[in-house]
Amino acid sequence: EKPYWLKEAYNSPINISDTGIINRNINF
């Protein structure tokens, strides 16, 4: 549905649980 919660969701643009960010960038 219309995502009214996004301001809270994007308190940090990279979410804290994104542990694969470096590995993913290398792979891509």
PDB file of all heavy atoms in Angstrom:
ATOM      1  N   GLU A   1       0.852  -1.183   0.000  1.00  0.00           N
ATOM      2  CA  GLU A   1       0.000   0.000   0.000  1.00  0.00           C
ATOM      3  C   GLU A   1       0.893   1.241   0.000  1.00  0.00           C
ATOM      4  O   GLU A   1       2.126   1.145   0.111  1.00  0.00           O
ATOM      5  CB  GLU A   1      -0.909   0.001   1.228  1.00  0.00           C
ATOM      6  CG  GLU A   1      -0.166   0.077   2.561  1.00  0.00           C
ATOM      7  CD  GLU A   1      -1.103   0.082   3.753  1.00  0.00           C
ATOM      8  OE1 GLU A   1      -1.578   1.181   4.117  1.00  0.00           O
ATOM      9  OE2 GLU A   1      -1.367  -1.014   4.299  1.00  0.00           O
ATOM     10  N   LYS A   2       0.307   2.424  -0.110  1.00  0.00           N
ATOM     11  CA  LYS A   2       1.092   3.664  -0.132  1.00  0.00           C
ATOM     12  C   LYS A   2       2.033   3.696   1.069  1.00  0.00           C
ATOM     13  O   LYS A   2       1.594   3.651   2.221  1.00  0.00           O
ATOM     14  CB  LYS A   2       0.166   4.872  -0.097  1.00  0.00           C
ATOM     15  CG  LYS A   2       0.901   6.193  -0.246  1.00  0.00           C
ATOM     16  CD  LYS A   2      -0.065   7.365  -0.287  1.00  0.00           C
ATOM     17  CE  LYS A   2       0.688   8.682  -0.432  1.00  0.00           C
ATOM     18  NZ  LYS A   2      -0.243   9.848  -0.480  1.00  0.00           N
ATOM     19  N   PRO A   3       3.337   3.759   0.836  1.00  0.00           N
ATOM     20  CA  PRO A   3       4.318   3.595   1.931  1.00  0.00           C
ATOM     21  C   PRO A   3       4.526   4.856   2.767  1.00  0.00           C
ATOM     22  O   PRO A   3       5.485   5.597   2.605  1.00  0.00           O
ATOM     23  CB  PRO A   3       5.589   3.194   1.184  1.00  0.00           C
ATOM     24  CG  PRO A   3       5.439   3.809  -0.172  1.00  0.00           C
ATOM     25  CD  PRO A   3       3.975   3.823  -0.487  1.00  0.00           C
ATOM     26  N   TYR A   4       3.657   5.045   3.722  1.00  0.00           N
ATOM     27  CA  TYR A   4       3.680   6.223   4.592  1.00  0.00           C
ATOM     28  C   TYR A   4       4.805   6.149   5.634  1.00  0.00           C
ATOM     29  O   TYR A   4       5.078   7.131   6.332  1.00  0.00           O
ATOM     30  CB  TYR A   4       2.324   6.365   5.300  1.00  0.00           C
ATOM     31  CG  TYR A   4       1.901   5.134   6.068  1.00  0.00           C
ATOM     32  CD1 TYR A   4       2.329   4.910   7.377  1.00  0.00           C
ATOM     33  CD2 TYR A   4       1.080   4.179   5.475  1.00  0.00           C
ATOM     34  CE1 TYR A   4       1.954   3.769   8.076  1.00  0.00           C
ATOM     35  CE2 TYR A   4       0.694   3.037   6.162  1.00  0.00           C
ATOM     36  CZ  TYR A   4       1.129   2.838   7.463  1.00  0.00           C
ATOM     37  OH  TYR A   4       0.761   1.697   8.141  1.00  0.00           O
ATOM     38  N   TRP A   5       5.465   4.996   5.734  1.00  0.00           N
ATOM     39  CA  TRP A   5       6.478   4.760   6.772  1.00  0.00           C
ATOM     40  C   TRP A   5       7.910   5.017   6.296  1.00  0.00           C
ATOM     41  O   TRP A   5       8.866   4.781   7.024  1.00  0.00           O
ATOM     42  CB  TRP A   5       6.394   3.294   7.228  1.00  0.00           C
ATOM     43  CG  TRP A   5       6.584   2.333   6.078  1.00  0.00           C
ATOM     44  CD1 TRP A   5       7.763   1.814   5.607  1.00  0.00           C
ATOM     45  CD2 TRP A   5       5.562   1.831   5.213  1.00  0.00           C
ATOM     46  NE1 TRP A   5       7.538   1.014   4.522  1.00  0.00           N
ATOM     47  CE2 TRP A   5       6.188   1.000   4.257  1.00  0.00           C
ATOM     48  CE3 TRP A   5       4.174   1.988   5.172  1.00  0.00           C
ATOM     49  CZ2 TRP A   5       5.482   0.343   3.252  1.00  0.00           C
ATOM     50  CZ3 TRP A   5       3.462   1.334   4.174  1.00  0.00           C
ATOM     51  CH2 TRP A   5       4.115   0.514   3.226  1.00  0.00           C
ATOM     52  N   LEU A   6       8.075   5.515   5.083  1.00  0.00           N
ATOM     53  CA  LEU A   6       9.416   5.575   4.490  1.00  0.00           C
ATOM     54  C   LEU A   6      10.355   6.555   5.187  1.00  0.00           C
ATOM     55  O   LEU A   6      11.571   6.346   5.190  1.00  0.00           O
ATOM     56  CB  LEU A   6       9.328   5.919   2.998  1.00  0.00           C
ATOM     57  CG  LEU A   6       8.771   4.813   2.095  1.00  0.00           C
ATOM     58  CD1 LEU A   6       8.865   5.219   0.638  1.00  0.00           C
ATOM     59  CD2 LEU A   6       9.497   3.485   2.329  1.00  0.00           C
ATOM     60  N   LYS A   7       9.830   7.615   5.758  1.00  0.00           N
ATOM     61  CA  LYS A   7      10.716   8.549   6.464  1.00  0.00           C
ATOM     62  C   LYS A   7      11.461   7.830   7.576  1.00  0.00           C
ATOM     63  O   LYS A   7      12.664   8.020   7.772  1.00  0.00           O
ATOM     64  CB  LYS A   7       9.911   9.717   7.023  1.00  0.00           C
ATOM     65  CG  LYS A   7      10.786  10.784   7.685  1.00  0.00           C
ATOM     66  CD  LYS A   7       9.965  11.980   8.132  1.00  0.00           C
ATOM     67  CE  LYS A   7      10.865  13.033   8.779  1.00  0.00           C
ATOM     68  NZ  LYS A   7      10.095  14.219   9.232  1.00  0.00           N
ATOM     69  N   GLU A   8      10.742   6.983   8.300  1.00  0.00           N
ATOM     70  CA  GLU A   8      11.385   6.197   9.362  1.00  0.00           C
ATOM     71  C   GLU A   8      12.309   5.145   8.771  1.00  0.00           C
ATOM     72  O   GLU A   8      13.413   4.913   9.286  1.00  0.00           O
ATOM     73  CB  GLU A   8      10.319   5.530  10.234  1.00  0.00           C
ATOM     74  CG  GLU A   8      10.898   4.684  11.362  1.00  0.00           C
ATOM     75  CD  GLU A   8       9.833   4.062  12.251  1.00  0.00           C
ATOM     76  OE1 GLU A   8       8.692   4.562  12.241  1.00  0.00           O
ATOM     77  OE2 GLU A   8      10.142   3.078  12.943  1.00  0.00           O
ATOM     78  N   ALA A   9      11.880   4.501   7.673  1.00  0.00           N
ATOM     79  CA  ALA A   9      12.678   3.434   7.057  1.00  0.00           C
ATOM     80  C   ALA A   9      14.014   3.954   6.538  1.00  0.00           C
ATOM     81  O   ALA A   9      15.011   3.226   6.528  1.00  0.00           O
ATOM     82  CB  ALA A   9      11.884   2.790   5.915  1.00  0.00           C
ATOM     83  N   TYR A  10      14.034   5.234   6.109  1.00  0.00           N
ATOM     84  CA  TYR A  10      15.249   5.796   5.533  1.00  0.00           C
ATOM     85  C   TYR A  10      15.970   6.743   6.492  1.00  0.00           C
ATOM     86  O   TYR A  10      16.627   7.677   6.050  1.00  0.00           O
ATOM     87  CB  TYR A  10      14.924   6.514   4.218  1.00  0.00           C
ATOM     88  CG  TYR A  10      14.681   5.557   3.079  1.00  0.00           C
ATOM     89  CD1 TYR A  10      13.385   5.272   2.656  1.00  0.00           C
ATOM     90  CD2 TYR A  10      15.742   4.935   2.423  1.00  0.00           C
ATOM     91  CE1 TYR A  10      13.149   4.392   1.616  1.00  0.00           C
ATOM     92  CE2 TYR A  10      15.520   4.062   1.385  1.00  0.00           C
ATOM     93  CZ  TYR A  10      14.224   3.792   0.979  1.00  0.00           C
ATOM     94  OH  TYR A  10      13.998   2.915  -0.049  1.00  0.00           O
ATOM     95  N   ASN A  11      15.863   6.478   7.785  1.00  0.00           N
ATOM     96  CA  ASN A  11      16.681   7.243   8.727  1.00  0.00           C
ATOM     97  C   ASN A  11      18.152   7.144   8.350  1.00  0.00           C
ATOM     98  O   ASN A  11      18.931   8.066   8.529  1.00  0.00           O
ATOM     99  CB  ASN A  11      16.485   6.726  10.152  1.00  0.00           C
ATOM    100  CG  ASN A  11      15.192   7.248  10.762  1.00  0.00           C
ATOM    101  OD1 ASN A  11      14.704   8.307  10.358  1.00  0.00           O
ATOM    102  ND2 ASN A  11      14.627   6.526  11.707  1.00  0.00           N
ATOM    103  N   SER A  12      18.517   5.961   7.804  1.00  0.00           N
ATOM    104  CA  SER A  12      19.836   5.761   7.201  1.00  0.00           C
ATOM    105  C   SER A  12      19.597   5.242   5.791  1.00  0.00           C
ATOM    106  O   SER A  12      18.858   4.279   5.613  1.00  0.00           O
ATOM    107  CB  SER A  12      20.664   4.738   7.987  1.00  0.00           C
ATOM    108  OG  SER A  12      21.856   4.429   7.280  1.00  0.00           O
ATOM    109  N   PRO A  13      20.184   5.871   4.728  1.00  0.00           N
ATOM    110  CA  PRO A  13      19.930   5.433   3.359  1.00  0.00           C
ATOM    111  C   PRO A  13      20.382   4.003   3.088  1.00  0.00           C
ATOM    112  O   PRO A  13      19.805   3.309   2.271  1.00  0.00           O
ATOM    113  CB  PRO A  13      20.728   6.435   2.509  1.00  0.00           C
ATOM    114  CG  PRO A  13      21.722   7.034   3.430  1.00  0.00           C
ATOM    115  CD  PRO A  13      21.086   7.029   4.778  1.00  0.00           C
ATOM    116  N   ILE A  14      21.444   3.555   3.770  1.00  0.00           N
ATOM    117  CA  ILE A  14      21.881   2.170   3.675  1.00  0.00           C
ATOM    118  C   ILE A  14      21.429   1.481   4.953  1.00  0.00           C
ATOM    119  O   ILE A  14      21.886   1.827   6.039  1.00  0.00           O
ATOM    120  CB  ILE A  14      23.415   2.057   3.526  1.00  0.00           C
ATOM    121  CG1 ILE A  14      23.910   2.935   2.373  1.00  0.00           C
ATOM    122  CG2 ILE A  14      23.813   0.604   3.323  1.00  0.00           C
ATOM    123  CD1 ILE A  14      23.377   2.577   1.002  1.00  0.00           C
ATOM    124  N   ASN A  15      20.513   0.501   4.825  1.00  0.00           N
ATOM    125  CA  ASN A  15      19.950  -0.050   6.055  1.00  0.00           C
ATOM    126  C   ASN A  15      20.993  -0.862   6.841  1.00  0.00           C
ATOM    127  O   ASN A  15      21.903  -1.451   6.278  1.00  0.00           O
ATOM    128  CB  ASN A  15      18.675  -0.867   5.756  1.00  0.00           C
ATOM    129  CG  ASN A  15      18.957  -2.230   5.175  1.00  0.00           C
ATOM    130  OD1 ASN A  15      19.419  -3.132   5.864  1.00  0.00           O
ATOM    131  ND2 ASN A  15      18.649  -2.388   3.893  1.00  0.00           N
ATOM    132  N   ILE A  16      20.826  -0.878   8.152  1.00  0.00           N
ATOM    133  CA  ILE A  16      21.837  -1.430   9.062  1.00  0.00           C
ATOM    134  C   ILE A  16      22.076  -2.921   8.838  1.00  0.00           C
ATOM    135  O   ILE A  16      23.154  -3.446   9.122  1.00  0.00           O
ATOM    136  CB  ILE A  16      21.426  -1.155  10.526  1.00  0.00           C
ATOM    137  CG1 ILE A  16      22.603  -1.412  11.470  1.00  0.00           C
ATOM    138  CG2 ILE A  16      20.201  -1.976  10.925  1.00  0.00           C
ATOM    139  CD1 ILE A  16      22.354  -0.961  12.893  1.00  0.00           C
ATOM    140  N   SER A  17      21.068  -3.634   8.303  1.00  0.00           N
ATOM    141  CA  SER A  17      21.207  -5.082   8.114  1.00  0.00           C
ATOM    142  C   SER A  17      21.854  -5.446   6.780  1.00  0.00           C
ATOM    143  O   SER A  17      21.991  -6.625   6.457  1.00  0.00           O
ATOM    144  CB  SER A  17      19.832  -5.757   8.220  1.00  0.00           C
ATOM    145  OG  SER A  17      18.961  -5.290   7.206  1.00  0.00           O
ATOM    146  N   ASP A  18      22.282  -4.442   6.006  1.00  0.00           N
ATOM    147  CA  ASP A  18      22.885  -4.712   4.697  1.00  0.00           C
ATOM    148  C   ASP A  18      24.351  -5.090   4.868  1.00  0.00           C
ATOM    149  O   ASP A  18      25.263  -4.328   4.547  1.00  0.00           O
ATOM    150  CB  ASP A  18      22.736  -3.501   3.788  1.00  0.00           C
ATOM    151  CG  ASP A  18      23.133  -3.811   2.346  1.00  0.00           C
ATOM    152  OD1 ASP A  18      23.508  -4.971   2.066  1.00  0.00           O
ATOM    153  OD2 ASP A  18      23.080  -2.905   1.499  1.00  0.00           O
ATOM    154  N   THR A  19      24.597  -6.289   5.365  1.00  0.00           N
ATOM    155  CA  THR A  19      25.965  -6.753   5.600  1.00  0.00           C
ATOM    156  C   THR A  19      26.677  -7.156   4.313  1.00  0.00           C
ATOM    157  O   THR A  19      27.893  -7.344   4.312  1.00  0.00           O
ATOM    158  CB  THR A  19      25.957  -7.952   6.564  1.00  0.00           C
ATOM    159  OG1 THR A  19      25.098  -8.968   6.035  1.00  0.00           O
ATOM    160  CG2 THR A  19      25.448  -7.536   7.932  1.00  0.00           C
ATOM    161  N   GLY A  20      25.934  -7.283   3.216  1.00  0.00           N
ATOM    162  CA  GLY A  20      26.536  -7.730   1.958  1.00  0.00           C
ATOM    163  C   GLY A  20      26.932  -6.612   1.022  1.00  0.00           C
ATOM    164  O   GLY A  20      27.257  -6.860  -0.149  1.00  0.00           O
ATOM    165  N   ILE A  21      26.958  -5.366   1.510  1.00  0.00           N
ATOM    166  CA  ILE A  21      27.145  -4.232   0.615  1.00  0.00           C
ATOM    167  C   ILE A  21      28.480  -4.269  -0.140  1.00  0.00           C
ATOM    168  O   ILE A  21      28.523  -4.002  -1.342  1.00  0.00           O
ATOM    169  CB  ILE A  21      26.979  -2.895   1.386  1.00  0.00           C
ATOM    170  CG1 ILE A  21      27.064  -1.713   0.415  1.00  0.00           C
ATOM    171  CG2 ILE A  21      27.980  -2.773   2.520  1.00  0.00           C
ATOM    172  CD1 ILE A  21      26.682  -0.386   1.061  1.00  0.00           C
ATOM    173  N   ILE A  22      29.576  -4.620   0.508  1.00  0.00           N
ATOM    174  CA  ILE A  22      30.883  -4.630  -0.159  1.00  0.00           C
ATOM    175  C   ILE A  22      30.980  -5.812  -1.115  1.00  0.00           C
ATOM    176  O   ILE A  22      31.371  -5.660  -2.285  1.00  0.00           O
ATOM    177  CB  ILE A  22      32.027  -4.675   0.874  1.00  0.00           C
ATOM    178  CG1 ILE A  22      31.991  -3.430   1.766  1.00  0.00           C
ATOM    179  CG2 ILE A  22      33.365  -4.793   0.158  1.00  0.00           C
ATOM    180  CD1 ILE A  22      32.153  -2.120   1.032  1.00  0.00           C
ATOM    181  N   ASN A  23      30.614  -6.984  -0.649  1.00  0.00           N
ATOM    182  CA  ASN A  23      30.659  -8.176  -1.494  1.00  0.00           C
ATOM    183  C   ASN A  23      29.787  -8.007  -2.732  1.00  0.00           C
ATOM    184  O   ASN A  23      30.169  -8.398  -3.842  1.00  0.00           O
ATOM    185  CB  ASN A  23      30.204  -9.392  -0.692  1.00  0.00           C
ATOM    186  CG  ASN A  23      30.332 -10.681  -1.478  1.00  0.00           C
ATOM    187  OD1 ASN A  23      31.424 -11.126  -1.791  1.00  0.00           O
ATOM    188  ND2 ASN A  23      29.193 -11.280  -1.804  1.00  0.00           N
ATOM    189  N   ARG A  24      28.615  -7.401  -2.547  1.00  0.00           N
ATOM    190  CA  ARG A  24      27.691  -7.198  -3.660  1.00  0.00           C
ATOM    191  C   ARG A  24      28.279  -6.245  -4.703  1.00  0.00           C
ATOM    192  O   ARG A  24      28.187  -6.469  -5.910  1.00  0.00           O
ATOM    193  CB  ARG A  24      26.365  -6.651  -3.129  1.00  0.00           C
ATOM    194  CG  ARG A  24      25.272  -6.528  -4.176  1.00  0.00           C
ATOM    195  CD  ARG A  24      23.935  -6.177  -3.560  1.00  0.00           C
ATOM    196  NE  ARG A  24      23.927  -4.872  -2.922  1.00  0.00           N
ATOM    197  CZ  ARG A  24      23.837  -4.669  -1.619  1.00  0.00           C
ATOM    198  NH1 ARG A  24      23.761  -5.693  -0.787  1.00  0.00           N
ATOM    199  NH2 ARG A  24      23.821  -3.444  -1.122  1.00  0.00           N
ATOM    200  N   ASN A  25      28.911  -5.173  -4.242  1.00  0.00           N
ATOM    201  CA  ASN A  25      29.503  -4.221  -5.172  1.00  0.00           C
ATOM    202  C   ASN A  25      30.641  -4.843  -5.977  1.00  0.00           C
ATOM    203  O   ASN A  25      30.781  -4.574  -7.172  1.00  0.00           O
ATOM    204  CB  ASN A  25      29.991  -2.981  -4.416  1.00  0.00           C
ATOM    205  CG  ASN A  25      28.895  -1.961  -4.191  1.00  0.00           C
ATOM    206  OD1 ASN A  25      28.583  -1.173  -5.066  1.00  0.00           O
ATOM    207  ND2 ASN A  25      28.301  -1.983  -3.014  1.00  0.00           N
ATOM    208  N   ILE A  26      31.442  -5.657  -5.327  1.00  0.00           N
ATOM    209  CA  ILE A  26      32.528  -6.341  -6.041  1.00  0.00           C
ATOM    210  C   ILE A  26      31.960  -7.289  -7.092  1.00  0.00           C
ATOM    211  O   ILE A  26      32.405  -7.308  -8.245  1.00  0.00           O
ATOM    212  CB  ILE A  26      33.432  -7.102  -5.048  1.00  0.00           C
ATOM    213  CG1 ILE A  26      34.178  -6.114  -4.148  1.00  0.00           C
ATOM    214  CG2 ILE A  26      34.409  -8.012  -5.787  1.00  0.00           C
ATOM    215  CD1 ILE A  26      34.912  -6.772  -2.986  1.00  0.00           C
ATOM    216  N   ASN A  27      30.954  -8.061  -6.700  1.00  0.00           N
ATOM    217  CA  ASN A  27      30.333  -9.013  -7.628  1.00  0.00           C
ATOM    218  C   ASN A  27      29.716  -8.289  -8.819  1.00  0.00           C
ATOM    219  O   ASN A  27      29.904  -8.690  -9.984  1.00  0.00           O
ATOM    220  CB  ASN A  27      29.267  -9.823  -6.888  1.00  0.00           C
ATOM    221  CG  ASN A  27      28.651 -10.898  -7.762  1.00  0.00           C
ATOM    222  OD1 ASN A  27      29.353 -11.686  -8.387  1.00  0.00           O
ATOM    223  ND2 ASN A  27      27.326 -10.924  -7.829  1.00  0.00           N
ATOM    224  N   PHE A  28      28.990  -7.201  -8.562  1.00  0.00           N
ATOM    225  CA  PHE A  28      28.342  -6.469  -9.657  1.00  0.00           C
ATOM    226  C   PHE A  28      29.353  -5.740 -10.530  1.00  0.00           C
ATOM    227  O   PHE A  28      29.100  -5.501 -11.709  1.00  0.00           O
ATOM    228  CB  PHE A  28      27.309  -5.494  -9.104  1.00  0.00           C
ATOM    229  CG  PHE A  28      26.040  -6.153  -8.625  1.00  0.00           C
ATOM    230  CD1 PHE A  28      25.402  -5.706  -7.484  1.00  0.00           C
ATOM    231  CD2 PHE A  28      25.493  -7.224  -9.315  1.00  0.00           C
ATOM    232  CE1 PHE A  28      24.231  -6.312  -7.041  1.00  0.00           C
ATOM    233  CE2 PHE A  28      24.329  -7.842  -8.873  1.00  0.00           C
ATOM    234  CZ  PHE A  28      23.697  -7.392  -7.740  1.00  0.00           C
TER     235      PHE A  28
END
